[in-house]
Structures are given as structure tokens and as C-alpha cells.
C-alpha atoms as a PDB file:
ATOM      1  CA  MET A   1    -285.075-248.695 -90.147  1.00  0.00           C
ATOM      2  CA  GLN A   2    -282.307-246.578 -92.211  1.00  0.00           C
ATOM      3  CA  GLU A   3    -284.496-244.906 -93.570  1.00  0.00           C
ATOM      4  CA  LEU A   4    -286.595-244.169 -89.672  1.00  0.00           C
ATOM      5  CA  LEU A   5    -283.000-242.195 -88.578  1.00  0.00           C
ATOM      6  CA  THR A   6    -282.038-240.372 -91.035  1.00  0.00           C
ATOM      7  CA  ALA A   7    -285.635-238.770 -90.903  1.00  0.00           C
ATOM      8  CA  VAL A   8    -285.058-238.240 -87.044  1.00  0.00           C
ATOM      9  CA  ALA A   9    -281.887-236.889 -87.762  1.00  0.00           C
ATOM     10  CA  TYR A  10    -283.039-233.959 -90.012  1.00  0.00           C
ATOM     11  CA  PRO A  11    -285.388-232.155 -87.610  1.00  0.00           C
ATOM     12  CA  ILE A  12    -282.389-232.830 -84.562  1.00  0.00           C
ATOM     13  CA  VAL A  13    -279.875-231.637 -86.706  1.00  0.00           C
ATOM     14  CA  TRP A  14    -282.615-228.469 -87.797  1.00  0.00           C
ATOM     15  CA  LEU A  15    -283.104-228.102 -84.278  1.00  0.00           C
ATOM     16  CA  PHE A  16    -278.998-227.945 -82.895  1.00  0.00           C
ATOM     17  CA  CYS A  17    -278.609-225.230 -85.643  1.00  0.00           C
ATOM     18  CA  SER A  18    -281.279-222.920 -84.559  1.00  0.00           C
ATOM     19  CA  TYR A  19    -280.734-223.288 -80.707  1.00  0.00           C
ATOM     20  CA  ILE A  20    -277.429-224.479 -80.050  1.00  0.00           C
ATOM     21  CA  LEU A  21    -275.661-222.753 -83.351  1.00  0.00           C
ATOM     22  CA  LYS A  22    -278.044-219.597 -83.318  1.00  0.00           C
ATOM     23  CA  ILE A  23    -278.186-219.987 -87.426  1.00  0.00           C
ATOM     24  CA  GLU A  24    -280.770-217.277 -88.063  1.00  0.00           C
ATOM     25  CA  SER A  25    -280.775-218.097 -92.062  1.00  0.00           C
ATOM     26  CA  GLY A  26    -283.016-220.941 -93.716  1.00  0.00           C
ATOM     27  CA  PHE A  27    -280.898-221.866 -95.791  1.00  0.00           C
ATOM     28  CA  PRO A  28    -277.473-222.864 -94.184  1.00  0.00           C
ATOM     29  CA  LYS A  29    -279.998-224.681 -91.574  1.00  0.00           C
ATOM     30  CA  LEU A  30    -281.046-226.483 -94.717  1.00  0.00           C
ATOM     31  CA  LEU A  31    -277.770-227.802 -96.163  1.00  0.00           C
ATOM     32  CA  ILE A  32    -276.719-228.378 -92.761  1.00  0.00           C
ATOM     33  CA  SER A  33    -279.302-230.703 -92.253  1.00  0.00           C
ATOM     34  CA  LEU A  34    -280.023-232.051 -95.360  1.00  0.00           C
ATOM     35  CA  THR A  35    -276.290-233.292 -95.447  1.00  0.00           C
ATOM     36  CA  ALA A  36    -276.040-234.362 -91.785  1.00  0.00           C
ATOM     37  CA  ALA A  37    -279.148-236.348 -92.862  1.00  0.00           C
ATOM     38  CA  ILE A  38    -277.413-238.125 -95.653  1.00  0.00           C
ATOM     39  CA  LEU A  39    -274.472-238.930 -94.047  1.00  0.00           C
ATOM     40  CA  VAL A  40    -276.488-240.721 -91.190  1.00  0.00           C
ATOM     41  CA  TYR A  41    -278.236-243.164 -93.899  1.00  0.00           C
ATOM     42  CA  VAL A  42    -274.649-243.196 -96.027  1.00  0.00           C
ATOM     43  CA  LEU A  43    -272.802-244.564 -92.850  1.00  0.00           C
ATOM     44  CA  ILE A  44    -275.710-246.898 -91.814  1.00  0.00           C
ATOM     45  CA  GLY A  45    -275.620-248.800 -95.463  1.00  0.00           C
ATOM     46  CA  ILE A  46    -271.998-248.586 -95.122  1.00  0.00           C
ATOM     47  CA  LYS A  47    -272.065-250.962 -91.889  1.00  0.00           C
ATOM     48  CA  GLN A  48    -274.896-252.832 -92.679  1.00  0.00           C
ATOM     49  CA  SER A  49    -273.026-253.953 -96.369  1.00  0.00           C
ATOM     50  CA  LYS A  50    -269.943-254.743 -94.192  1.00  0.00           C
ATOM     51  CA  LYS A  51    -272.105-256.976 -92.011  1.00  0.00           C
ATOM     52  CA  LYS A  52    -273.072-258.928 -94.962  1.00  0.00           C
ATOM     53  CA  ILE A  53    -270.094-259.939 -96.317  1.00  0.00           C
END
């Protein structure tokens, strides 16, 4: 589940950067999208680890 949400977050943020923020360059979109996907992965991991305690 965690990996699926991360995989979904990446293209959603990419499209958000393209159409809403109007970022034309690929490198900033790549960095923002990857950062968001990693953040989703980490936040879900933290939430799951707190549930186990």
C-alpha cells in the first residue's frame, strides 16, 4: 500500500507542477515530484510505525 501511494503521488505532483504551477523545465519538476513521493513514503512509514507501538 505504501509503495502504491508513493507511485501515485509522483505523477500527480508532476502534473500539478506542469499545469498549476506552470513549471516548464523538467529538472525542477523531477526534484519536486521525487521529494513529494519520498515524503509520502516516509510519512506513511512513520504513521504505520506508530500504530505498531
